[in-house]
């Protein structure tokens, strides 16, 4: 199961909505990348949706697409649904419980898959399950979008990412900033090829795969 997301307290007493501060910092720049890779219509599955704020932002930005948020954590699912009920447009679907590391996922359709800040805050089995699930669900040419911190062989790792890696490992020895080459190799085992890498603010990367 994926690890807990960095929520802060809900906006109001009794309000189930959680707030993840990083969403305000990265939602717009991620959206700029998504404009170049998402289809005009169809269904987008988000894995490890966390607070639900990204799904809400993307549903507003892409009204022609239906966004299917998911998460294994009941607290996250409650937050996603609370955001959807309070502010969600009609193309933001009710969340489903989905553990990326599971051998079988709930029945769901996907014309694209998004996964933001999960690969490093989860055991490697979650990445293995993500790639296997994307390989099963996506049609040829459809995108899998990842966002987060990665190490790259031959590229000096930013000190902030090294410190982040150490912090993650101290919280859970199965977490950590992954070598991007290992992620690419795992994707290839499931019929996914690396399409592009886009440098992002704060030493993060957007990594886009396509189903072969």
N, C-alpha and C. Protein backbone atom coordinates (compact mmCIF):
# COMPACT_ATOMS: atom_id res chain seq x y z
N UNK A 1 0.85 -1.19 0.00
CA UNK A 1 0.00 0.00 0.00
C UNK A 1 0.88 1.24 0.00
N UNK A 2 0.45 2.24 -0.68
CA UNK A 2 1.23 3.46 -0.74
C UNK A 2 1.26 4.15 0.61
N UNK A 3 2.27 4.99 0.80
CA UNK A 3 2.45 5.66 2.07
C UNK A 3 1.56 6.86 2.24
N UNK A 4 1.47 7.40 3.47
CA UNK A 4 0.62 8.54 3.74
C UNK A 4 1.10 9.79 3.05
N UNK A 5 0.17 10.61 2.61
CA UNK A 5 0.51 11.88 1.98
C UNK A 5 0.66 12.96 3.05
N UNK A 6 1.42 14.04 2.76
CA UNK A 6 1.69 15.07 3.76
C UNK A 6 0.53 16.04 3.92
N UNK A 7 -0.57 15.54 4.49
CA UNK A 7 -1.73 16.39 4.74
C UNK A 7 -1.45 17.34 5.89
N UNK A 8 -2.17 18.45 5.92
CA UNK A 8 -2.27 19.28 7.11
C UNK A 8 -3.72 19.21 7.56
N UNK A 9 -4.06 19.97 8.57
CA UNK A 9 -5.41 19.90 9.10
C UNK A 9 -6.45 20.34 8.09
N UNK A 10 -7.66 19.80 8.24
CA UNK A 10 -8.75 20.15 7.35
C UNK A 10 -9.11 21.63 7.50
N UNK A 11 -9.73 22.23 6.47
CA UNK A 11 -10.01 23.67 6.49
C UNK A 11 -10.90 24.13 7.64
N UNK A 12 -11.82 23.30 8.07
CA UNK A 12 -12.74 23.76 9.10
C UNK A 12 -13.15 22.62 10.02
N UNK A 13 -13.70 22.94 11.16
CA UNK A 13 -14.10 21.94 12.13
C UNK A 13 -15.14 21.00 11.51
N UNK A 14 -14.84 19.71 11.50
CA UNK A 14 -15.76 18.74 10.94
C UNK A 14 -15.66 18.59 9.44
N UNK A 15 -14.84 19.38 8.79
CA UNK A 15 -14.66 19.31 7.33
C UNK A 15 -13.66 18.20 7.02
N UNK A 16 -14.04 17.27 6.16
CA UNK A 16 -13.15 16.14 5.83
C UNK A 16 -12.09 16.50 4.81
N UNK A 17 -12.17 17.67 4.20
CA UNK A 17 -11.18 18.05 3.20
C UNK A 17 -9.80 18.24 3.83
N UNK A 18 -8.79 17.59 3.22
CA UNK A 18 -7.41 17.79 3.62
C UNK A 18 -6.73 18.73 2.64
N UNK A 19 -5.65 19.34 3.10
CA UNK A 19 -4.89 20.27 2.26
C UNK A 19 -3.45 19.79 2.22
N UNK A 20 -2.92 19.57 1.02
CA UNK A 20 -1.51 19.22 0.82
C UNK A 20 -0.81 20.44 0.25
N UNK A 21 0.07 21.10 1.00
CA UNK A 21 0.64 22.38 0.56
C UNK A 21 1.34 22.32 -0.79
N UNK A 22 1.91 21.17 -1.15
CA UNK A 22 2.64 21.11 -2.41
C UNK A 22 1.74 21.29 -3.63
N UNK A 23 0.43 21.03 -3.48
CA UNK A 23 -0.47 21.14 -4.63
C UNK A 23 -0.52 22.58 -5.13
N UNK A 24 -0.58 23.53 -4.23
CA UNK A 24 -0.61 24.93 -4.63
C UNK A 24 0.66 25.33 -5.37
N UNK A 25 1.77 24.64 -5.09
CA UNK A 25 3.04 24.99 -5.72
C UNK A 25 3.21 24.34 -7.09
N UNK A 26 2.61 23.16 -7.30
CA UNK A 26 2.93 22.46 -8.54
C UNK A 26 1.77 22.18 -9.48
N UNK A 27 0.54 22.45 -9.07
CA UNK A 27 -0.60 22.08 -9.91
C UNK A 27 -0.57 22.80 -11.26
N UNK A 28 -0.22 24.07 -11.27
CA UNK A 28 -0.24 24.82 -12.52
C UNK A 28 0.85 24.35 -13.48
N UNK A 29 2.06 24.11 -12.96
CA UNK A 29 3.14 23.69 -13.86
C UNK A 29 2.91 22.27 -14.37
N UNK A 30 2.30 21.42 -13.55
CA UNK A 30 1.95 20.08 -14.02
C UNK A 30 0.89 20.18 -15.11
N UNK A 31 -0.09 21.05 -14.92
CA UNK A 31 -1.14 21.23 -15.91
C UNK A 31 -0.56 21.66 -17.25
N UNK A 32 0.45 22.51 -17.23
CA UNK A 32 1.09 22.94 -18.48
C UNK A 32 1.65 21.75 -19.25
N UNK A 33 2.25 20.79 -18.54
CA UNK A 33 2.76 19.59 -19.21
C UNK A 33 1.62 18.71 -19.70
N UNK A 34 0.60 18.57 -18.87
CA UNK A 34 -0.53 17.70 -19.24
C UNK A 34 -1.25 18.19 -20.50
N UNK A 35 -1.25 19.49 -20.73
CA UNK A 35 -1.92 20.02 -21.93
C UNK A 35 -1.32 19.43 -23.21
N UNK A 36 -0.05 19.06 -23.16
CA UNK A 36 0.62 18.54 -24.35
C UNK A 36 0.47 17.03 -24.52
N UNK A 37 -0.01 16.33 -23.48
CA UNK A 37 0.00 14.86 -23.56
C UNK A 37 -1.37 14.20 -23.38
N UNK A 38 -2.32 14.88 -22.75
CA UNK A 38 -3.61 14.25 -22.50
C UNK A 38 -4.49 14.28 -23.75
N UNK A 39 -5.33 13.28 -23.92
CA UNK A 39 -6.29 13.33 -25.03
C UNK A 39 -7.33 14.41 -24.79
N UNK A 40 -8.07 14.77 -25.82
CA UNK A 40 -9.10 15.81 -25.67
C UNK A 40 -10.31 15.29 -24.92
N UNK A 41 -10.62 14.01 -25.09
CA UNK A 41 -11.76 13.40 -24.42
C UNK A 41 -11.33 12.05 -23.86
N UNK A 42 -12.16 11.49 -22.97
CA UNK A 42 -11.87 10.20 -22.40
C UNK A 42 -11.82 10.27 -20.88
N UNK A 43 -11.22 9.23 -20.28
CA UNK A 43 -11.17 9.13 -18.83
C UNK A 43 -9.71 9.06 -18.38
N UNK A 44 -9.39 9.86 -17.36
CA UNK A 44 -8.05 9.91 -16.79
C UNK A 44 -8.11 9.32 -15.39
N UNK A 45 -7.34 8.29 -15.15
CA UNK A 45 -7.24 7.66 -13.84
C UNK A 45 -6.06 8.25 -13.10
N UNK A 46 -6.30 8.78 -11.91
CA UNK A 46 -5.20 9.24 -11.06
C UNK A 46 -4.97 8.22 -9.97
N UNK A 47 -3.72 7.76 -9.84
CA UNK A 47 -3.31 6.83 -8.80
C UNK A 47 -2.75 7.62 -7.63
N UNK A 48 -3.11 7.20 -6.40
CA UNK A 48 -2.63 7.87 -5.19
C UNK A 48 -2.98 9.35 -5.19
N UNK A 49 -4.28 9.62 -5.24
CA UNK A 49 -4.77 11.01 -5.37
C UNK A 49 -4.59 11.83 -4.11
N UNK A 50 -4.31 11.21 -2.98
CA UNK A 50 -4.03 11.97 -1.76
C UNK A 50 -5.22 12.80 -1.32
N UNK A 51 -4.99 14.09 -1.13
CA UNK A 51 -6.05 14.98 -0.65
C UNK A 51 -7.18 15.16 -1.65
N UNK A 52 -6.90 14.93 -2.94
CA UNK A 52 -7.89 15.14 -3.99
C UNK A 52 -7.80 16.49 -4.67
N UNK A 53 -6.88 17.32 -4.22
CA UNK A 53 -6.78 18.68 -4.77
C UNK A 53 -6.27 18.69 -6.21
N UNK A 54 -5.33 17.79 -6.52
CA UNK A 54 -4.86 17.73 -7.91
C UNK A 54 -6.01 17.34 -8.85
N UNK A 55 -6.75 16.32 -8.48
CA UNK A 55 -7.85 15.87 -9.33
C UNK A 55 -8.86 16.99 -9.54
N UNK A 56 -9.15 17.73 -8.49
CA UNK A 56 -10.07 18.86 -8.60
C UNK A 56 -9.53 19.91 -9.55
N UNK A 57 -8.25 20.24 -9.43
CA UNK A 57 -7.63 21.25 -10.29
C UNK A 57 -7.65 20.81 -11.75
N UNK A 58 -7.28 19.56 -11.99
CA UNK A 58 -7.22 19.07 -13.37
C UNK A 58 -8.60 18.96 -13.99
N UNK A 59 -9.59 18.56 -13.20
CA UNK A 59 -10.95 18.47 -13.75
C UNK A 59 -11.45 19.84 -14.20
N UNK A 60 -11.08 20.87 -13.47
CA UNK A 60 -11.45 22.23 -13.88
C UNK A 60 -10.69 22.65 -15.14
N UNK A 61 -9.43 22.24 -15.23
CA UNK A 61 -8.59 22.68 -16.35
C UNK A 61 -8.91 21.94 -17.65
N UNK A 62 -9.46 20.72 -17.53
CA UNK A 62 -9.73 19.89 -18.72
C UNK A 62 -11.19 19.41 -18.70
N UNK A 63 -12.12 20.30 -19.00
CA UNK A 63 -13.55 19.95 -18.89
C UNK A 63 -13.98 18.85 -19.85
N UNK A 64 -13.21 18.57 -20.90
CA UNK A 64 -13.58 17.51 -21.83
C UNK A 64 -13.20 16.12 -21.37
N UNK A 65 -12.48 16.02 -20.25
CA UNK A 65 -12.03 14.74 -19.73
C UNK A 65 -12.73 14.42 -18.41
N UNK A 66 -13.00 13.15 -18.19
CA UNK A 66 -13.51 12.69 -16.90
C UNK A 66 -12.33 12.23 -16.06
N UNK A 67 -12.23 12.72 -14.83
CA UNK A 67 -11.11 12.40 -13.95
C UNK A 67 -11.58 11.44 -12.86
N UNK A 68 -10.90 10.30 -12.79
CA UNK A 68 -11.20 9.26 -11.81
C UNK A 68 -10.10 9.22 -10.75
N UNK A 69 -10.34 9.86 -9.59
CA UNK A 69 -9.34 9.79 -8.52
C UNK A 69 -9.41 8.45 -7.80
N UNK A 70 -8.27 8.07 -7.19
CA UNK A 70 -8.22 6.83 -6.42
C UNK A 70 -7.18 6.95 -5.33
N UNK A 71 -7.31 6.12 -4.31
CA UNK A 71 -6.34 6.06 -3.23
C UNK A 71 -6.65 4.83 -2.38
N UNK A 72 -5.64 4.25 -1.72
CA UNK A 72 -5.93 3.13 -0.82
C UNK A 72 -6.37 3.56 0.57
N UNK A 73 -6.15 4.82 0.94
CA UNK A 73 -6.33 5.31 2.30
C UNK A 73 -7.75 5.86 2.51
N UNK A 74 -8.51 5.33 3.46
CA UNK A 74 -9.87 5.83 3.69
C UNK A 74 -9.92 7.32 4.03
N UNK A 75 -8.90 7.83 4.73
CA UNK A 75 -8.88 9.26 5.05
C UNK A 75 -8.73 10.07 3.77
N UNK A 76 -7.86 9.63 2.88
CA UNK A 76 -7.70 10.32 1.60
C UNK A 76 -8.99 10.24 0.78
N UNK A 77 -9.62 9.08 0.75
CA UNK A 77 -10.86 8.93 -0.02
C UNK A 77 -11.94 9.87 0.51
N UNK A 78 -12.01 10.01 1.83
CA UNK A 78 -13.00 10.93 2.41
C UNK A 78 -12.70 12.37 2.02
N UNK A 79 -11.41 12.73 1.99
CA UNK A 79 -11.02 14.09 1.59
C UNK A 79 -11.37 14.34 0.13
N UNK A 80 -11.05 13.38 -0.73
CA UNK A 80 -11.35 13.54 -2.16
C UNK A 80 -12.84 13.75 -2.37
N UNK A 81 -13.65 12.93 -1.72
CA UNK A 81 -15.10 13.03 -1.89
C UNK A 81 -15.62 14.35 -1.33
N UNK A 82 -15.04 14.82 -0.22
CA UNK A 82 -15.47 16.10 0.36
C UNK A 82 -15.17 17.25 -0.58
N UNK A 83 -13.97 17.25 -1.19
CA UNK A 83 -13.66 18.28 -2.18
C UNK A 83 -14.61 18.20 -3.37
N UNK A 84 -14.90 16.98 -3.81
CA UNK A 84 -15.79 16.80 -4.96
C UNK A 84 -17.19 17.32 -4.64
N UNK A 85 -17.69 17.01 -3.46
CA UNK A 85 -19.03 17.45 -3.08
C UNK A 85 -19.09 18.97 -2.93
N UNK A 86 -18.01 19.56 -2.40
CA UNK A 86 -18.02 20.99 -2.12
C UNK A 86 -17.78 21.84 -3.36
N UNK A 87 -16.87 21.39 -4.24
CA UNK A 87 -16.43 22.26 -5.33
C UNK A 87 -16.28 21.56 -6.67
N UNK A 88 -16.48 20.26 -6.71
CA UNK A 88 -16.14 19.50 -7.90
C UNK A 88 -17.04 19.76 -9.09
N UNK A 89 -16.45 19.90 -10.28
CA UNK A 89 -17.25 19.96 -11.50
C UNK A 89 -17.79 18.56 -11.83
N UNK A 90 -18.69 18.50 -12.80
CA UNK A 90 -19.35 17.23 -13.10
C UNK A 90 -18.39 16.18 -13.65
N UNK A 91 -17.26 16.60 -14.19
CA UNK A 91 -16.31 15.64 -14.74
C UNK A 91 -15.32 15.09 -13.72
N UNK A 92 -15.50 15.44 -12.45
CA UNK A 92 -14.71 14.84 -11.37
C UNK A 92 -15.55 13.71 -10.77
N UNK A 93 -15.12 12.47 -10.95
CA UNK A 93 -15.89 11.30 -10.57
C UNK A 93 -15.66 10.95 -9.10
N UNK A 94 -16.57 10.20 -8.49
CA UNK A 94 -16.35 9.75 -7.11
C UNK A 94 -15.09 8.91 -7.02
N UNK A 95 -14.34 9.05 -5.93
CA UNK A 95 -13.09 8.30 -5.81
C UNK A 95 -13.33 6.81 -5.61
N UNK A 96 -12.34 6.02 -6.02
CA UNK A 96 -12.39 4.58 -5.79
C UNK A 96 -11.19 4.17 -4.95
N UNK A 97 -11.36 3.11 -4.17
CA UNK A 97 -10.25 2.59 -3.38
C UNK A 97 -9.39 1.70 -4.27
N UNK A 98 -8.14 2.05 -4.39
CA UNK A 98 -7.23 1.33 -5.28
C UNK A 98 -5.84 1.37 -4.68
N UNK A 99 -5.25 0.20 -4.47
CA UNK A 99 -3.88 0.07 -4.00
C UNK A 99 -3.02 -0.28 -5.21
N UNK A 100 -2.11 0.60 -5.57
CA UNK A 100 -1.30 0.39 -6.76
C UNK A 100 -0.53 -0.91 -6.73
N UNK A 101 -0.15 -1.38 -5.55
CA UNK A 101 0.65 -2.58 -5.46
C UNK A 101 -0.15 -3.87 -5.59
N UNK A 102 -1.48 -3.78 -5.60
CA UNK A 102 -2.33 -4.96 -5.68
C UNK A 102 -2.21 -5.64 -7.04
N UNK A 103 -2.30 -6.97 -7.04
CA UNK A 103 -2.21 -7.72 -8.29
C UNK A 103 -3.41 -7.44 -9.20
N UNK A 104 -4.56 -7.16 -8.59
CA UNK A 104 -5.76 -6.85 -9.35
C UNK A 104 -6.30 -5.50 -8.89
N UNK A 105 -6.66 -4.66 -9.85
CA UNK A 105 -7.26 -3.37 -9.55
C UNK A 105 -8.77 -3.45 -9.74
N UNK A 106 -9.53 -2.54 -9.13
CA UNK A 106 -10.97 -2.48 -9.42
C UNK A 106 -11.21 -2.25 -10.91
N UNK A 107 -12.34 -2.69 -11.39
CA UNK A 107 -12.68 -2.49 -12.80
C UNK A 107 -12.75 -1.00 -13.08
N UNK A 108 -11.92 -0.53 -13.97
CA UNK A 108 -11.86 0.89 -14.29
C UNK A 108 -11.30 1.04 -15.70
N UNK A 109 -11.74 2.09 -16.37
CA UNK A 109 -11.25 2.40 -17.71
C UNK A 109 -10.27 3.56 -17.61
N UNK A 110 -9.28 3.59 -18.49
CA UNK A 110 -8.32 4.70 -18.47
C UNK A 110 -7.79 4.96 -19.87
N UNK A 111 -7.93 6.19 -20.31
CA UNK A 111 -7.30 6.65 -21.55
C UNK A 111 -5.97 7.34 -21.26
N UNK A 112 -5.72 7.61 -20.00
CA UNK A 112 -4.45 8.16 -19.52
C UNK A 112 -4.40 7.88 -18.02
N UNK A 113 -3.18 7.78 -17.48
CA UNK A 113 -2.99 7.55 -16.05
C UNK A 113 -2.02 8.59 -15.52
N UNK A 114 -2.35 9.16 -14.37
CA UNK A 114 -1.49 10.13 -13.68
C UNK A 114 -1.08 9.56 -12.33
N UNK A 115 0.15 9.83 -11.93
CA UNK A 115 0.61 9.40 -10.61
C UNK A 115 1.62 10.44 -10.12
N UNK A 116 1.23 11.20 -9.14
CA UNK A 116 2.02 12.34 -8.66
C UNK A 116 2.53 12.06 -7.25
N UNK A 117 3.84 12.13 -7.07
CA UNK A 117 4.46 12.01 -5.75
C UNK A 117 4.12 10.71 -5.02
N UNK A 118 4.01 9.61 -5.76
CA UNK A 118 3.81 8.31 -5.11
C UNK A 118 5.07 7.46 -5.12
N UNK A 119 5.83 7.50 -6.20
CA UNK A 119 6.90 6.53 -6.40
C UNK A 119 7.92 6.58 -5.27
N UNK A 120 8.21 7.77 -4.77
CA UNK A 120 9.19 7.87 -3.69
C UNK A 120 8.59 7.68 -2.30
N UNK A 121 7.27 7.90 -2.16
CA UNK A 121 6.63 7.77 -0.85
C UNK A 121 5.82 6.48 -0.82
N UNK A 122 6.47 5.38 -1.16
CA UNK A 122 5.81 4.07 -1.18
C UNK A 122 6.88 3.01 -1.36
N UNK A 123 6.59 1.77 -1.00
CA UNK A 123 7.52 0.68 -1.30
C UNK A 123 7.66 0.48 -2.81
N UNK A 124 8.75 -0.12 -3.23
CA UNK A 124 8.98 -0.37 -4.65
C UNK A 124 7.85 -1.20 -5.25
N UNK A 125 7.20 -2.05 -4.44
CA UNK A 125 6.10 -2.87 -4.95
C UNK A 125 4.98 -2.01 -5.52
N UNK A 126 4.81 -0.79 -5.02
CA UNK A 126 3.78 0.09 -5.56
C UNK A 126 4.12 0.52 -6.97
N UNK A 127 5.40 0.79 -7.24
CA UNK A 127 5.82 1.14 -8.60
C UNK A 127 5.67 -0.05 -9.53
N UNK A 128 6.03 -1.23 -9.05
CA UNK A 128 5.84 -2.45 -9.86
C UNK A 128 4.37 -2.63 -10.21
N UNK A 129 3.50 -2.44 -9.22
CA UNK A 129 2.06 -2.58 -9.47
C UNK A 129 1.52 -1.50 -10.38
N UNK A 130 2.04 -0.27 -10.24
CA UNK A 130 1.62 0.82 -11.12
C UNK A 130 1.92 0.49 -12.57
N UNK A 131 3.12 0.03 -12.84
CA UNK A 131 3.50 -0.28 -14.21
C UNK A 131 2.70 -1.46 -14.76
N UNK A 132 2.48 -2.47 -13.94
CA UNK A 132 1.68 -3.60 -14.38
C UNK A 132 0.25 -3.17 -14.69
N UNK A 133 -0.33 -2.33 -13.82
CA UNK A 133 -1.69 -1.86 -14.05
C UNK A 133 -1.79 -0.98 -15.28
N UNK A 134 -0.82 -0.10 -15.47
CA UNK A 134 -0.83 0.75 -16.66
C UNK A 134 -0.70 -0.08 -17.93
N UNK A 135 0.14 -1.11 -17.86
CA UNK A 135 0.29 -1.98 -19.02
C UNK A 135 -0.99 -2.72 -19.37
N UNK A 136 -1.78 -3.05 -18.36
CA UNK A 136 -3.06 -3.74 -18.60
C UNK A 136 -4.11 -2.80 -19.15
N UNK A 137 -4.17 -1.59 -18.60
CA UNK A 137 -5.30 -0.69 -18.87
C UNK A 137 -5.14 0.16 -20.13
N UNK A 138 -3.94 0.64 -20.38
CA UNK A 138 -3.76 1.64 -21.43
C UNK A 138 -3.74 1.02 -22.82
N UNK A 139 -4.35 1.72 -23.75
CA UNK A 139 -4.28 1.34 -25.16
C UNK A 139 -2.95 1.83 -25.74
N UNK A 140 -2.50 1.25 -26.85
CA UNK A 140 -1.26 1.70 -27.48
C UNK A 140 -1.27 3.22 -27.73
N UNK A 141 -0.17 3.85 -27.35
CA UNK A 141 -0.03 5.30 -27.53
C UNK A 141 -0.53 6.12 -26.36
N UNK A 142 -1.29 5.53 -25.45
CA UNK A 142 -1.84 6.28 -24.32
C UNK A 142 -0.76 6.57 -23.28
N UNK A 143 -0.88 7.72 -22.57
CA UNK A 143 0.21 8.14 -21.68
C UNK A 143 0.04 7.70 -20.22
N UNK A 144 1.17 7.44 -19.60
CA UNK A 144 1.31 7.35 -18.16
C UNK A 144 2.21 8.50 -17.73
N UNK A 145 1.68 9.37 -16.85
CA UNK A 145 2.42 10.55 -16.41
C UNK A 145 2.84 10.38 -14.95
N UNK A 146 4.12 10.54 -14.68
CA UNK A 146 4.65 10.54 -13.33
C UNK A 146 5.26 11.89 -13.01
N UNK A 147 5.15 12.29 -11.74
CA UNK A 147 5.77 13.52 -11.27
C UNK A 147 6.41 13.24 -9.93
N UNK A 148 7.62 13.77 -9.75
CA UNK A 148 8.27 13.64 -8.45
C UNK A 148 9.76 13.83 -8.56
N UNK A 149 10.44 13.51 -7.47
CA UNK A 149 11.89 13.60 -7.40
C UNK A 149 12.50 12.27 -7.84
N UNK A 150 13.56 12.33 -8.64
CA UNK A 150 14.25 11.13 -9.12
C UNK A 150 15.75 11.39 -9.16
N UNK A 151 16.51 10.31 -9.01
CA UNK A 151 17.93 10.34 -9.31
C UNK A 151 18.10 9.90 -10.77
N UNK A 152 19.12 10.46 -11.43
CA UNK A 152 19.45 10.07 -12.80
C UNK A 152 20.94 9.77 -12.88
N UNK A 153 21.28 8.64 -13.43
CA UNK A 153 22.68 8.27 -13.56
C UNK A 153 23.40 9.26 -14.48
N UNK A 154 24.54 9.72 -14.04
CA UNK A 154 25.29 10.68 -14.82
C UNK A 154 24.87 12.11 -14.59
N UNK A 155 23.86 12.33 -13.75
CA UNK A 155 23.39 13.68 -13.43
C UNK A 155 23.53 13.88 -11.93
N UNK A 156 24.21 14.93 -11.53
CA UNK A 156 24.40 15.19 -10.10
C UNK A 156 23.05 15.41 -9.42
N UNK A 157 22.83 14.69 -8.33
CA UNK A 157 21.57 14.83 -7.59
C UNK A 157 21.61 16.09 -6.74
N UNK A 158 20.56 16.86 -6.79
CA UNK A 158 20.49 18.10 -6.01
C UNK A 158 20.60 17.78 -4.52
N UNK A 159 21.33 18.60 -3.75
CA UNK A 159 21.42 18.36 -2.31
C UNK A 159 20.06 18.26 -1.63
N UNK A 160 19.10 19.03 -2.10
CA UNK A 160 17.77 18.97 -1.50
C UNK A 160 17.13 17.60 -1.70
N UNK A 161 17.37 16.98 -2.86
CA UNK A 161 16.81 15.65 -3.11
C UNK A 161 17.54 14.58 -2.30
N UNK A 162 18.85 14.75 -2.08
CA UNK A 162 19.58 13.81 -1.23
C UNK A 162 19.07 13.89 0.20
N UNK A 163 18.82 15.10 0.67
CA UNK A 163 18.28 15.27 2.02
C UNK A 163 16.86 14.69 2.11
N UNK A 164 16.08 14.88 1.05
CA UNK A 164 14.74 14.32 0.99
C UNK A 164 14.79 12.80 1.04
N UNK A 165 15.72 12.21 0.29
CA UNK A 165 15.89 10.76 0.29
C UNK A 165 16.20 10.25 1.69
N UNK A 166 17.12 10.91 2.37
CA UNK A 166 17.48 10.49 3.73
C UNK A 166 16.28 10.61 4.67
N UNK A 167 15.52 11.67 4.51
CA UNK A 167 14.33 11.86 5.35
C UNK A 167 13.30 10.76 5.11
N UNK A 168 13.08 10.42 3.83
CA UNK A 168 12.13 9.36 3.50
C UNK A 168 12.57 8.03 4.10
N UNK A 169 13.85 7.70 3.95
CA UNK A 169 14.37 6.43 4.46
C UNK A 169 14.25 6.37 5.99
N UNK A 170 14.41 7.51 6.66
CA UNK A 170 14.28 7.52 8.12
C UNK A 170 12.84 7.26 8.56
N UNK A 171 11.89 7.64 7.72
CA UNK A 171 10.47 7.40 8.02
C UNK A 171 10.07 5.97 7.71
N UNK A 172 10.61 5.44 6.59
CA UNK A 172 10.30 4.08 6.18
C UNK A 172 11.44 3.61 5.27
N UNK A 173 12.17 2.56 5.64
CA UNK A 173 13.32 2.13 4.83
C UNK A 173 12.94 1.64 3.44
N UNK A 174 11.63 1.40 3.19
CA UNK A 174 11.19 0.98 1.86
C UNK A 174 10.89 2.16 0.95
N UNK A 175 10.92 3.39 1.48
CA UNK A 175 10.69 4.58 0.67
C UNK A 175 12.02 5.14 0.19
N UNK A 176 11.97 6.10 -0.70
CA UNK A 176 13.19 6.77 -1.12
C UNK A 176 13.11 7.28 -2.54
N UNK A 177 13.96 8.26 -2.86
CA UNK A 177 14.03 8.81 -4.21
C UNK A 177 14.63 7.73 -5.12
N UNK A 178 13.90 7.35 -6.16
CA UNK A 178 14.29 6.22 -7.01
C UNK A 178 15.23 6.65 -8.13
N UNK A 179 16.03 5.70 -8.57
CA UNK A 179 16.79 5.90 -9.79
C UNK A 179 15.83 5.82 -10.97
N UNK A 180 15.80 6.86 -11.79
CA UNK A 180 14.85 6.89 -12.89
C UNK A 180 15.07 5.71 -13.84
N UNK A 181 16.30 5.30 -14.00
CA UNK A 181 16.58 4.18 -14.90
C UNK A 181 15.90 2.90 -14.43
N UNK A 182 15.80 2.71 -13.11
CA UNK A 182 15.10 1.53 -12.59
C UNK A 182 13.60 1.61 -12.89
N UNK A 183 13.06 2.81 -12.80
CA UNK A 183 11.63 3.00 -13.11
C UNK A 183 11.38 2.73 -14.59
N UNK A 184 12.28 3.22 -15.45
CA UNK A 184 12.14 3.01 -16.89
C UNK A 184 12.23 1.52 -17.23
N UNK A 185 13.13 0.82 -16.58
CA UNK A 185 13.28 -0.62 -16.82
C UNK A 185 12.01 -1.36 -16.41
N UNK A 186 11.46 -1.01 -15.25
CA UNK A 186 10.23 -1.67 -14.79
C UNK A 186 9.08 -1.37 -15.74
N UNK A 187 8.99 -0.14 -16.22
CA UNK A 187 7.93 0.21 -17.18
C UNK A 187 8.06 -0.63 -18.44
N UNK A 188 9.28 -0.82 -18.91
CA UNK A 188 9.49 -1.59 -20.13
C UNK A 188 9.03 -3.02 -20.02
N UNK A 189 9.06 -3.57 -18.81
CA UNK A 189 8.60 -4.94 -18.61
C UNK A 189 7.10 -5.09 -18.88
N UNK A 190 6.41 -3.98 -18.87
CA UNK A 190 4.95 -4.01 -19.02
C UNK A 190 4.47 -3.27 -20.26
N UNK A 191 5.36 -3.14 -21.24
CA UNK A 191 4.96 -2.58 -22.52
C UNK A 191 4.85 -1.07 -22.54
N UNK A 192 5.61 -0.40 -21.68
CA UNK A 192 5.59 1.06 -21.62
C UNK A 192 6.98 1.59 -21.99
N UNK A 193 7.02 2.54 -22.91
CA UNK A 193 8.31 3.13 -23.30
C UNK A 193 8.38 4.56 -22.82
N UNK A 194 9.59 4.99 -22.47
CA UNK A 194 9.80 6.36 -22.06
C UNK A 194 9.61 7.29 -23.25
N UNK A 195 8.75 8.28 -23.10
CA UNK A 195 8.46 9.23 -24.18
C UNK A 195 9.23 10.53 -24.00
N UNK A 196 9.18 11.10 -22.79
CA UNK A 196 9.91 12.35 -22.56
C UNK A 196 10.10 12.58 -21.07
N UNK A 197 11.12 13.39 -20.75
CA UNK A 197 11.40 13.84 -19.40
C UNK A 197 11.40 15.36 -19.42
N UNK A 198 10.62 15.96 -18.54
CA UNK A 198 10.51 17.42 -18.49
C UNK A 198 10.99 17.90 -17.12
N UNK A 199 12.08 18.67 -17.05
CA UNK A 199 12.51 19.23 -15.76
C UNK A 199 11.44 20.18 -15.21
N UNK A 200 11.23 20.09 -13.90
CA UNK A 200 10.20 20.88 -13.23
C UNK A 200 10.84 21.67 -12.09
N UNK A 201 10.11 22.64 -11.55
CA UNK A 201 10.66 23.42 -10.43
C UNK A 201 11.00 22.53 -9.23
N UNK A 202 11.87 23.05 -8.39
CA UNK A 202 12.25 22.41 -7.12
C UNK A 202 12.86 21.03 -7.33
N UNK A 203 13.60 20.86 -8.44
CA UNK A 203 14.35 19.64 -8.72
C UNK A 203 13.47 18.40 -8.87
N UNK A 204 12.27 18.60 -9.38
CA UNK A 204 11.38 17.49 -9.70
C UNK A 204 11.40 17.24 -11.21
N UNK A 205 10.80 16.13 -11.61
CA UNK A 205 10.70 15.78 -13.02
C UNK A 205 9.28 15.36 -13.36
N UNK A 206 8.85 15.70 -14.57
CA UNK A 206 7.70 15.06 -15.19
C UNK A 206 8.25 13.97 -16.11
N UNK A 207 7.75 12.76 -15.93
CA UNK A 207 8.24 11.61 -16.71
C UNK A 207 7.02 11.00 -17.41
N UNK A 208 7.06 10.98 -18.73
CA UNK A 208 5.92 10.50 -19.51
C UNK A 208 6.29 9.23 -20.25
N UNK A 209 5.48 8.20 -20.04
CA UNK A 209 5.60 6.94 -20.76
C UNK A 209 4.42 6.80 -21.72
N UNK A 210 4.60 5.98 -22.75
CA UNK A 210 3.52 5.65 -23.67
C UNK A 210 3.41 4.13 -23.77
N UNK A 211 2.19 3.66 -23.82
CA UNK A 211 1.97 2.22 -24.02
C UNK A 211 2.36 1.87 -25.45
N UNK A 212 3.15 0.84 -25.59
CA UNK A 212 3.61 0.41 -26.90
C UNK A 212 2.47 -0.33 -27.62
